[in-house]
Amino acid sequence: MTVSDILNEIHNENVEIEIYKALSEWMILDRQQNIVKLARCKSTIRAINKIANNNPNKKEALDGIINLCN
């Protein structure tokens, strides 16, 4: 079944609004999950930056970064 076939079937069954609502909810949920993931990544990058810049011993800083990434 092609996309055109699916769209024609949706139209024939008059379920455009239901499909629109379902797709909208999926898009909102996906966006919300991506925002949460991005926030976690930014927090990790900030932590790595602090470890790297605030530790005078670069070996310890690198060990701290490796531990954080694990």
C-alpha atoms as a PDB file:
ATOM      1  CA  MET A   1       0.000   0.000   0.000  1.00  0.00           C
ATOM      2  CA  THR A   2       1.414   3.386  -0.991  1.00  0.00           C
ATOM      3  CA  VAL A   3       1.108   6.644   0.915  1.00  0.00           C
ATOM      4  CA  SER A   4      -1.375   7.841  -1.699  1.00  0.00           C
ATOM      5  CA  ASP A   5      -3.479   4.724  -1.137  1.00  0.00           C
ATOM      6  CA  ILE A   6      -3.447   5.317   2.611  1.00  0.00           C
ATOM      7  CA  LEU A   7      -4.399   8.976   2.210  1.00  0.00           C
ATOM      8  CA  ASN A   8      -7.219   8.076  -0.169  1.00  0.00           C
ATOM      9  CA  GLU A   9      -8.508   5.484   2.296  1.00  0.00           C
ATOM     10  CA  ILE A  10      -8.377   8.035   5.130  1.00  0.00           C
ATOM     11  CA  HIS A  11     -10.368  10.443   2.966  1.00  0.00           C
ATOM     12  CA  ASN A  12     -12.847   7.785   1.893  1.00  0.00           C
ATOM     13  CA  GLU A  13     -13.504   6.835   5.520  1.00  0.00           C
ATOM     14  CA  ASN A  14     -13.825  10.521   6.552  1.00  0.00           C
ATOM     15  CA  VAL A  15     -11.332  10.132   9.397  1.00  0.00           C
ATOM     16  CA  GLU A  16      -9.084  13.088   8.520  1.00  0.00           C
ATOM     17  CA  ILE A  17      -9.695  14.839  11.842  1.00  0.00           C
ATOM     18  CA  GLU A  18      -8.965  11.724  13.879  1.00  0.00           C
ATOM     19  CA  ILE A  19      -5.750  11.128  11.927  1.00  0.00           C
ATOM     20  CA  TYR A  20      -4.772  14.791  12.302  1.00  0.00           C
ATOM     21  CA  LYS A  21      -5.289  14.618  16.069  1.00  0.00           C
ATOM     22  CA  ALA A  22      -3.272  11.408  16.404  1.00  0.00           C
ATOM     23  CA  LEU A  23      -0.397  12.743  14.300  1.00  0.00           C
ATOM     24  CA  SER A  24      -0.411  16.045  16.209  1.00  0.00           C
ATOM     25  CA  GLU A  25      -0.194  14.218  19.528  1.00  0.00           C
ATOM     26  CA  TRP A  26       2.695  12.086  18.246  1.00  0.00           C
ATOM     27  CA  MET A  27       4.547  15.179  17.017  1.00  0.00           C
ATOM     28  CA  ILE A  28       4.075  16.976  20.337  1.00  0.00           C
ATOM     29  CA  LEU A  29       5.229  13.932  22.289  1.00  0.00           C
ATOM     30  CA  ASP A  30       8.290  13.486  20.053  1.00  0.00           C
ATOM     31  CA  ARG A  31       9.195  17.165  20.446  1.00  0.00           C
ATOM     32  CA  GLN A  32       8.794  16.944  24.213  1.00  0.00           C
ATOM     33  CA  GLN A  33      11.051  13.878  24.363  1.00  0.00           C
ATOM     34  CA  ASN A  34      13.669  15.613  22.195  1.00  0.00           C
ATOM     35  CA  ILE A  35      13.655  18.664  24.482  1.00  0.00           C
ATOM     36  CA  VAL A  36      14.234  16.458  27.534  1.00  0.00           C
ATOM     37  CA  LYS A  37      17.061  14.629  25.764  1.00  0.00           C
ATOM     38  CA  LEU A  38      18.655  17.916  24.712  1.00  0.00           C
ATOM     39  CA  ALA A  39      18.479  19.238  28.280  1.00  0.00           C
ATOM     40  CA  ARG A  40      20.271  16.119  29.551  1.00  0.00           C
ATOM     41  CA  CYS A  41      22.969  16.481  26.901  1.00  0.00           C
ATOM     42  CA  LYS A  42      23.500  20.155  27.722  1.00  0.00           C
ATOM     43  CA  SER A  43      23.808  19.309  31.427  1.00  0.00           C
ATOM     44  CA  THR A  44      26.427  16.683  30.660  1.00  0.00           C
ATOM     45  CA  ILE A  45      28.413  19.104  28.502  1.00  0.00           C
ATOM     46  CA  ARG A  46      28.311  21.749  31.239  1.00  0.00           C
ATOM     47  CA  ALA A  47      29.520  19.201  33.803  1.00  0.00           C
ATOM     48  CA  ILE A  48      32.362  18.110  31.541  1.00  0.00           C
ATOM     49  CA  ASN A  49      33.351  21.728  30.999  1.00  0.00           C
ATOM     50  CA  LYS A  50      33.422  22.384  34.753  1.00  0.00           C
ATOM     51  CA  ILE A  51      35.482  19.262  35.421  1.00  0.00           C
ATOM     52  CA  ALA A  52      37.956  20.179  32.675  1.00  0.00           C
ATOM     53  CA  ASN A  53      38.327  23.846  33.639  1.00  0.00           C
ATOM     54  CA  ASN A  54      38.163  23.668  37.435  1.00  0.00           C
ATOM     55  CA  ASN A  55      40.644  20.865  37.997  1.00  0.00           C
ATOM     56  CA  PRO A  56      44.321  21.899  37.849  1.00  0.00           C
ATOM     57  CA  ASN A  57      45.400  18.268  37.437  1.00  0.00           C
ATOM     58  CA  LYS A  58      44.526  17.396  33.835  1.00  0.00           C
ATOM     59  CA  LYS A  59      44.892  13.642  34.433  1.00  0.00           C
ATOM     60  CA  GLU A  60      42.309  13.808  37.246  1.00  0.00           C
ATOM     61  CA  ALA A  61      40.103  16.000  35.079  1.00  0.00           C
ATOM     62  CA  LEU A  62      40.237  13.479  32.260  1.00  0.00           C
ATOM     63  CA  ASP A  63      39.489  10.633  34.687  1.00  0.00           C
ATOM     64  CA  GLY A  64      36.492  12.598  36.013  1.00  0.00           C
ATOM     65  CA  ILE A  65      35.186  13.189  32.502  1.00  0.00           C
ATOM     66  CA  ILE A  66      35.567   9.505  31.629  1.00  0.00           C
ATOM     67  CA  ASN A  67      33.712   8.510  34.813  1.00  0.00           C
ATOM     68  CA  LEU A  68      30.909  10.958  34.038  1.00  0.00           C
ATOM     69  CA  CYS A  69      30.528   9.577  30.521  1.00  0.00           C
ATOM     70  CA  ASN A  70      30.317   6.012  31.777  1.00  0.00           C
END
